[in-house]
Protein backbone atom coordinates (compact mmCIF):
# COMPACT_ATOMS: atom_id res chain seq x y z
CA MET A 1 -8.05 14.37 15.31
CA ARG A 2 -9.57 10.97 15.96
CA ARG A 3 -8.39 7.86 17.73
CA SER A 4 -8.68 4.42 16.23
CA ARG A 5 -10.54 1.27 17.21
CA ALA A 6 -9.17 -1.94 15.71
CA HIS A 7 -12.11 -3.64 14.03
CA LEU A 8 -13.11 -4.04 10.42
CA ILE A 9 -16.29 -2.69 8.92
CA THR A 10 -18.75 -5.57 8.60
CA THR A 11 -22.27 -5.81 7.22
CA SER A 12 -25.23 -8.14 7.41
CA LYS A 13 -25.62 -10.92 4.88
CA LYS A 14 -27.12 -9.27 1.79
CA GLU A 15 -26.36 -9.14 -1.88
CA TYR A 16 -24.20 -6.22 -2.99
CA HIS A 17 -22.51 -5.41 -6.24
CA ASP A 18 -18.82 -5.23 -6.99
CA GLU A 19 -17.34 -2.54 -9.17
CA SER A 20 -13.94 -1.87 -10.66
CA ASP A 21 -11.28 0.80 -10.25
CA ALA A 22 -11.11 1.61 -13.95
CA SER A 23 -13.10 3.09 -16.82
CA SER A 24 -16.55 1.53 -17.00
CA LYS A 25 -16.38 1.58 -20.81
CA ARG A 26 -13.99 -1.26 -21.48
CA ILE A 27 -12.79 -4.46 -19.84
CA ALA A 28 -9.07 -4.44 -20.66
CA SER A 29 -8.54 -8.14 -20.06
CA PHE A 30 -11.46 -9.30 -22.19
CA GLY A 31 -11.92 -6.51 -24.75
CA LEU A 32 -15.69 -6.33 -24.10
CA GLU A 33 -17.87 -3.23 -24.03
CA THR A 34 -20.09 -2.75 -20.97
CA VAL A 35 -22.08 -0.08 -19.23
CA SER A 36 -21.74 -1.41 -15.71
CA VAL A 37 -20.38 -4.52 -14.07
CA GLN A 38 -22.27 -6.05 -11.17
CA THR A 39 -20.45 -8.84 -9.44
CA GLU A 40 -20.52 -10.59 -6.08
CA PRO A 41 -17.78 -12.55 -4.29
CA ALA A 42 -18.73 -16.22 -4.54
CA ILE A 43 -16.67 -17.31 -1.56
CA PRO A 44 -17.12 -15.53 1.80
CA THR A 45 -14.13 -14.45 3.81
CA VAL A 46 -12.99 -17.22 6.13
CA LYS A 47 -13.45 -16.42 9.82
CA SER A 48 -10.27 -15.67 11.68
CA LYS A 49 -8.74 -18.53 13.59
CA LYS A 50 -6.96 -18.10 16.89
CA VAL A 51 -3.42 -16.91 16.27
CA PRO A 52 -0.79 -18.89 18.17
CA GLU A 53 1.10 -17.04 20.86
CA ILE A 54 4.73 -16.30 20.06
CA SER A 55 7.42 -13.91 21.18
CA PRO A 56 6.17 -10.31 21.56
CA HIS A 57 9.25 -9.22 19.65
CA PRO A 58 9.35 -11.52 16.60
CA SER A 59 12.13 -9.59 14.93
CA GLU A 60 14.49 -10.40 17.79
CA SER A 61 13.52 -14.07 18.13
CA CYS A 62 13.68 -14.60 14.38
CA ALA A 63 16.99 -12.78 14.19
CA SER A 64 18.66 -15.01 16.74
CA ARG A 65 17.20 -18.17 15.23
CA LEU A 66 17.57 -17.52 11.51
CA CYS A 67 20.43 -14.98 11.41
CA GLU A 68 18.67 -13.07 8.65
CA PRO A 69 18.95 -9.32 8.00
CA ILE A 70 16.04 -7.50 9.62
CA TYR A 71 15.19 -3.80 9.59
CA SER A 72 15.56 -2.13 12.97
CA THR A 73 12.35 -1.62 14.95
CA HIS A 74 13.91 0.19 17.90
CA ALA A 75 12.87 3.74 16.97
CA PRO A 76 10.45 5.39 19.42
CA GLN A 77 7.70 5.55 16.77
CA ARG A 78 6.46 3.15 14.11
CA GLY A 79 6.08 5.91 11.55
CA ILE A 80 3.50 7.63 9.39
CA CYS A 81 0.96 5.90 7.16
CA VAL A 82 -0.50 8.19 4.50
CA VAL A 83 -3.88 7.24 3.00
CA LEU A 84 -4.78 8.99 -0.27
CA SER A 85 -8.36 8.38 -1.39
CA VAL A 86 -9.89 9.73 -4.58
CA ASP A 87 -13.47 8.59 -5.15
CA LYS A 88 -14.87 11.58 -7.04
CA PHE A 89 -13.54 12.99 -10.29
CA ASP A 90 -14.14 16.07 -12.41
CA GLU A 91 -16.74 15.51 -15.12
CA ALA A 92 -14.18 16.29 -17.81
CA LEU A 93 -12.31 13.07 -16.97
CA CYS A 94 -15.31 10.84 -17.79
CA LEU A 95 -14.43 8.58 -14.84
CA PRO A 96 -17.10 6.97 -12.63
CA PRO A 97 -17.12 7.59 -8.85
CA ARG A 98 -15.52 4.92 -6.68
CA SER A 99 -18.36 3.85 -4.40
CA GLY A 100 -17.18 1.81 -1.44
CA SER A 101 -13.85 3.60 -1.13
CA ALA A 102 -14.86 5.03 2.26
CA VAL A 103 -15.02 1.47 3.60
CA ASP A 104 -11.50 0.86 2.32
CA VAL A 105 -10.28 4.01 4.09
CA ARG A 106 -11.78 2.93 7.42
CA ASN A 107 -10.47 -0.61 7.19
CA VAL A 108 -6.94 0.29 6.14
CA CYS A 109 -6.72 3.06 8.77
CA LEU A 110 -7.72 0.63 11.51
CA ALA A 111 -5.30 -2.02 10.26
CA PHE A 112 -2.28 0.29 10.20
CA ALA A 113 -3.30 1.98 13.45
CA SER A 114 -3.28 -1.46 15.08
CA LEU A 115 0.41 -1.64 14.12
CA GLN A 116 0.96 1.74 15.84
CA PHE A 117 1.29 3.84 12.70
CA ASP A 118 0.14 7.46 12.86
CA ILE A 119 -2.40 7.94 10.08
CA LEU A 120 -2.59 10.94 7.73
CA THR A 121 -5.44 10.99 5.21
CA LYS A 122 -6.10 13.11 2.13
CA PHE A 123 -9.41 12.97 0.26
CA ASN A 124 -10.13 13.89 -3.37
CA GLY A 125 -7.09 16.06 -3.88
CA THR A 126 -6.04 17.53 -7.20
CA ALA A 127 -2.83 16.37 -8.83
CA SER A 128 -0.91 19.37 -7.53
CA GLU A 129 -2.39 18.96 -4.04
CA LEU A 130 -1.42 15.29 -3.83
CA ARG A 131 2.15 15.99 -4.92
CA ALA A 132 2.48 18.89 -2.48
CA PHE A 133 0.97 16.83 0.34
CA LEU A 134 3.39 13.92 -0.13
CA LYS A 135 6.34 16.30 -0.53
CA GLU A 136 5.41 17.92 2.78
CA VAL A 137 5.17 14.52 4.49
CA ALA A 138 8.55 13.47 3.06
CA GLU A 139 10.16 16.63 4.44
CA GLN A 140 9.03 15.88 8.00
CA ASP A 141 11.44 14.48 10.57
CA HIS A 142 11.41 10.68 10.20
CA SER A 143 14.54 10.08 12.25
CA GLN A 144 12.49 8.70 15.16
CA SER A 145 10.44 6.33 12.98
CA ASP A 146 10.94 2.70 11.96
CA CYS A 147 9.45 3.08 8.50
CA PHE A 148 6.88 4.80 6.27
CA ALA A 149 3.72 3.51 4.60
CA CYS A 150 1.36 4.93 1.98
CA VAL A 151 -1.97 3.59 0.68
CA ILE A 152 -3.36 4.97 -2.59
CA LEU A 153 -7.01 4.38 -3.54
CA SER A 154 -8.06 5.58 -6.99
CA HIS A 155 -8.47 4.76 -10.66
CA GLY A 156 -5.32 4.07 -12.64
CA ASP A 157 -3.99 2.99 -16.00
CA ASP A 158 -1.56 0.58 -17.60
CA SER A 159 1.35 3.03 -17.85
CA GLY A 160 1.76 3.75 -14.14
CA LEU A 161 -0.64 6.68 -13.83
CA VAL A 162 -2.89 7.35 -10.83
CA TYR A 163 -5.91 9.63 -11.13
CA ALA A 164 -6.31 12.65 -8.89
CA ARG A 165 -9.59 14.52 -8.86
CA ASP A 166 -8.66 16.64 -11.88
CA GLY A 167 -6.24 14.47 -13.86
CA ALA A 168 -3.58 11.80 -13.94
CA ILE A 169 -0.25 11.82 -12.14
CA SER A 170 2.63 9.39 -12.38
CA LEU A 171 2.91 6.93 -9.50
CA ASP A 172 6.66 7.23 -9.94
CA HIS A 173 6.45 10.94 -9.12
CA LEU A 174 4.39 10.29 -5.99
CA ILE A 175 7.01 7.86 -4.70
CA ALA A 176 10.04 9.98 -5.68
CA PRO A 177 10.07 12.29 -2.59
CA PHE A 178 10.67 9.26 -0.34
CA ARG A 179 13.65 7.75 -2.18
CA GLY A 180 16.94 7.49 -0.38
CA ASP A 181 18.67 10.36 -2.18
CA VAL A 182 15.82 12.77 -1.35
CA CYS A 183 14.43 11.82 2.08
CA SER A 184 17.37 11.48 4.46
CA GLY A 185 15.18 10.61 7.46
CA LEU A 186 13.96 7.43 5.74
CA ARG A 187 17.30 6.46 4.23
CA GLY A 188 17.95 2.80 4.94
CA LYS A 189 14.39 2.34 6.25
CA PRO A 190 11.50 0.50 4.57
CA LYS A 191 9.13 2.64 2.50
CA LEU A 192 5.92 0.72 1.82
CA PHE A 193 3.29 1.56 -0.81
CA PHE A 194 -0.04 -0.21 -1.33
CA ILE A 195 -1.87 0.66 -4.55
CA GLN A 196 -5.57 -0.08 -5.03
CA MET A 197 -6.29 0.72 -8.65
CA SER A 198 -7.07 -1.01 -11.92
CA TYR A 199 -5.26 -0.60 -15.19
CA PHE A 200 -6.90 0.34 -18.47
CA PRO A 201 -5.77 1.92 -21.76
CA PHE A 202 -6.65 5.55 -22.44
CA SER A 203 -10.02 5.48 -24.18
CA SER A 204 -11.28 9.03 -23.72
CA PRO A 205 -9.94 12.15 -25.46
CA CYS A 206 -10.87 14.28 -22.44
CA LEU A 207 -8.34 12.69 -20.04
CA ARG A 208 -5.76 15.20 -18.81
CA LEU A 209 -2.15 14.47 -17.92
CA PHE A 210 -0.21 16.49 -15.37
CA ASP A 211 3.18 14.84 -15.88
CA GLN A 212 5.18 15.65 -18.97
CA HIS A 213 6.78 12.19 -18.76
CA SER A 214 3.83 10.03 -17.83
CA GLN A 215 5.42 6.63 -18.34
CA CYS A 216 6.50 4.92 -15.12
CA LYS A 217 10.27 4.46 -15.29
CA ALA A 218 10.55 1.77 -12.64
CA CYS A 219 12.64 -1.24 -13.66
CA ARG A 220 13.43 0.04 -17.14
CA GLY A 221 15.46 2.77 -18.85
CA THR A 222 19.11 3.73 -19.18
CA ALA A 223 19.72 5.70 -15.97
CA LEU A 224 22.60 4.76 -13.67
CA ASP A 225 22.11 4.56 -9.91
CA SER A 226 24.97 6.45 -8.21
CA GLY A 227 23.75 5.46 -4.77
CA THR A 228 23.45 7.49 -1.58
CA LEU A 229 25.46 7.44 1.66
CA LEU A 230 23.96 5.88 4.78
CA VAL A 231 25.46 6.42 8.24
CA CYS A 232 24.76 3.32 10.29
CA ASP A 233 25.86 1.78 13.57
CA SER A 234 28.28 -1.11 13.46
CA ARG A 235 25.41 -3.43 14.30
CA SER A 236 23.69 -2.46 11.02
CA VAL A 237 26.57 -3.97 9.09
CA ASN A 238 25.83 -7.32 10.69
CA ALA A 239 22.96 -9.60 9.79
CA ASN A 240 20.55 -8.20 12.36
CA ASP A 241 19.72 -4.74 13.67
CA THR A 242 19.44 -5.29 17.41
CA ASP A 243 20.27 -3.05 20.34
CA SER A 244 23.97 -2.74 21.03
CA SER A 245 25.98 -0.98 23.69
CA SER A 246 29.41 -1.75 22.28
CA GLY A 247 30.07 1.92 21.60
CA GLU A 248 31.73 1.17 18.27
CA ALA A 249 32.01 4.06 15.83
CA PRO A 250 29.33 4.29 13.14
CA THR A 251 30.19 3.34 9.59
CA ILE A 252 29.23 4.94 6.28
CA ARG A 253 27.88 2.70 3.55
CA ARG A 254 26.71 3.45 0.03
CA ILE A 255 23.30 2.03 -0.84
CA PRO A 256 21.21 2.30 -4.04
CA VAL A 257 18.75 5.19 -4.09
CA GLU A 258 16.04 2.71 -5.13
CA ALA A 259 16.71 0.45 -2.13
CA ASP A 260 14.21 -0.25 0.66
CA LEU A 261 11.07 0.26 -1.45
CA PHE A 262 8.05 -2.04 -1.43
CA ILE A 263 5.10 -1.53 -3.79
CA ALA A 264 2.03 -3.79 -3.62
CA TYR A 265 -0.54 -3.68 -6.41
CA ALA A 266 -4.16 -4.82 -6.17
CA VAL A 267 -3.98 -6.50 -9.57
CA GLN A 268 -1.66 -7.34 -12.46
CA PRO A 269 -1.26 -4.70 -15.21
CA GLY A 270 -4.03 -4.88 -17.79
CA TYR A 271 -6.70 -6.24 -15.45
CA TYR A 272 -9.53 -4.89 -13.36
CA ALA A 273 -9.40 -4.75 -9.56
CA PHE A 274 -12.84 -5.43 -8.10
CA ARG A 275 -14.42 -3.18 -5.50
CA ASN A 276 -17.66 -3.78 -3.60
CA SER A 277 -19.79 -0.72 -2.84
CA VAL A 278 -20.52 -1.98 0.70
CA HIS A 279 -17.60 -4.23 1.66
CA GLY A 280 -14.87 -2.28 -0.13
CA SER A 281 -12.26 -3.60 -2.54
CA TRP A 282 -11.11 -7.22 -2.49
CA PHE A 283 -7.45 -6.30 -2.11
CA ILE A 284 -7.83 -3.73 0.68
CA ARG A 285 -10.24 -5.98 2.55
CA ALA A 286 -7.79 -8.89 2.41
CA LEU A 287 -4.86 -6.61 3.30
CA SER A 288 -6.66 -5.12 6.31
CA GLU A 289 -7.80 -8.49 7.65
CA THR A 290 -4.35 -10.01 7.24
CA LEU A 291 -2.57 -7.09 8.91
CA LEU A 292 -4.94 -7.27 11.87
CA ARG A 293 -4.35 -11.02 12.28
CA PHE A 294 -0.67 -11.37 11.46
CA GLY A 295 0.78 -7.85 11.34
CA SER A 296 2.56 -8.05 14.69
CA ILE A 297 3.90 -11.62 14.34
CA SER A 298 4.82 -12.15 10.66
CA ASP A 299 7.22 -10.43 8.30
CA LEU A 300 5.84 -8.24 5.52
CA LEU A 301 6.50 -10.59 2.60
CA SER A 302 4.80 -13.46 4.43
CA ILE A 303 1.86 -11.18 5.15
CA MET A 304 1.57 -10.14 1.51
CA THR A 305 1.78 -13.75 0.36
CA ARG A 306 -1.24 -14.43 2.57
CA VAL A 307 -2.99 -11.44 0.98
CA ASN A 308 -2.24 -12.79 -2.50
CA HIS A 309 -3.63 -16.18 -1.48
CA SER A 310 -6.77 -14.66 0.04
CA VAL A 311 -7.64 -12.58 -3.03
CA ALA A 312 -6.77 -15.37 -5.46
CA TYR A 313 -8.72 -18.14 -3.72
CA ASN A 314 -11.44 -16.48 -1.62
CA PHE A 315 -12.96 -14.08 -4.13
CA GLU A 316 -14.71 -14.65 -7.45
CA SER A 317 -17.12 -12.47 -9.42
CA LEU A 318 -20.75 -13.42 -9.93
CA ALA A 319 -22.53 -11.11 -12.37
CA ALA A 320 -25.88 -10.92 -14.13
CA ASN A 321 -23.94 -10.89 -17.39
CA PRO A 322 -22.34 -14.36 -17.79
CA ALA A 323 -19.37 -12.75 -19.55
CA PHE A 324 -18.31 -11.19 -16.27
CA SER A 325 -19.00 -14.10 -13.94
CA GLY A 326 -16.32 -16.39 -12.59
CA LYS A 327 -13.60 -13.75 -12.91
CA LYS A 328 -10.61 -13.63 -10.59
CA GLN A 329 -8.05 -11.11 -9.40
CA MET A 330 -4.33 -11.56 -8.73
CA PRO A 331 -2.42 -8.99 -6.64
CA SER A 332 1.34 -8.65 -6.90
CA PHE A 333 4.19 -6.73 -5.33
CA VAL A 334 7.60 -5.36 -6.30
CA SER A 335 10.31 -5.17 -3.66
CA THR A 336 13.75 -3.65 -3.35
CA LEU A 337 13.78 -4.34 0.39
CA THR A 338 17.19 -5.46 1.60
CA LYS A 339 16.03 -6.92 4.92
CA LYS A 340 12.93 -8.44 6.46
CA VAL A 341 10.22 -6.08 7.72
CA PHE A 342 8.51 -6.77 11.05
CA PHE A 343 6.03 -4.70 13.09
CA PRO A 344 6.54 -5.93 16.67
CA PRO A 345 4.58 -4.10 19.38
CA LYS A 346 6.39 -1.13 20.84
CA LYS A 347 7.54 -1.59 24.44
CA MET A 348 5.45 1.39 25.52
CA PRO A 349 2.39 1.22 23.26
CA CYS A 350 0.36 4.35 22.74
CA ASP A 351 -2.80 5.10 20.81
CA PRO A 352 -1.86 6.13 17.26
CA LEU A 353 -3.44 9.26 15.86
CA ILE A 354 -5.62 9.46 12.76
CA HIS A 355 -5.55 12.89 11.10
CA LEU A 356 -8.34 13.48 8.59
CA THR A 357 -7.87 16.18 5.94
């Protein structure tokens, strides 16, 4: 059990090579064969400027000023942040190791710990181990938490699959235990997922699938959402979730089971996500820096817009092979959030715990 220190991993000014979270045999976006890609960000990360001082509880000040719906942040704990990192794969999968992933783990742990999340990590698990681990986390008591977060670092593909150490597993199945109809403790609370992986078509006959239905079903299909019941205070029916002592009876509302989910992707489907063996991946580096600077004063969507801007404008590949130079990366996110998400400092801050497994 280790405690966190809020600073990013930095290195001296040297040349290092970027890699990609995908098969090294094919560039999906360009259709070119390659053995290895060596790239370097052309634009260095801009040094942090002094952040202006604002209310220590931005959710309350914004609520009174804008009258917008905001998720409650009055639970005693921020919540759990799970970090799943897979950087080594069985030889049968024909997937390259993900050098630099350890830097991503450190940076993202420090960033979420600075927001008072308790960190749980899992390294190089098999498909069954990852599913069991997330199921166990989902079954914990989340009633005293504001929200839940999960960061996944691995290879991936275009159909919504994430690679465990021994094979592929559907991202949809990893998220399923936290949906509103399954995890009652997180019902009506934001569930945040950050996915660092590239997408590439299956090109090797030795790849193994552990899900019978491997296609991600998000946003398509013929299923009907019957919803799930949420017991909420009368104040939750109003625009803002703020403390209330009115003593009014709670109400029961029906919400979609897919509500309150946020999924951020390092790159658009069909493209590579670049990763530096020393500095870590572009997306996780930008995410960690932005959370450390703005996590306690901005809402989540504003934070992620800054992350999109940082990756899009501040990074560009520079490779020995001209075909791979001058390439860019564009993150994206999908949201079914029904309110704004803030991470204001808790009134009685405590050191978050980082559990390494």
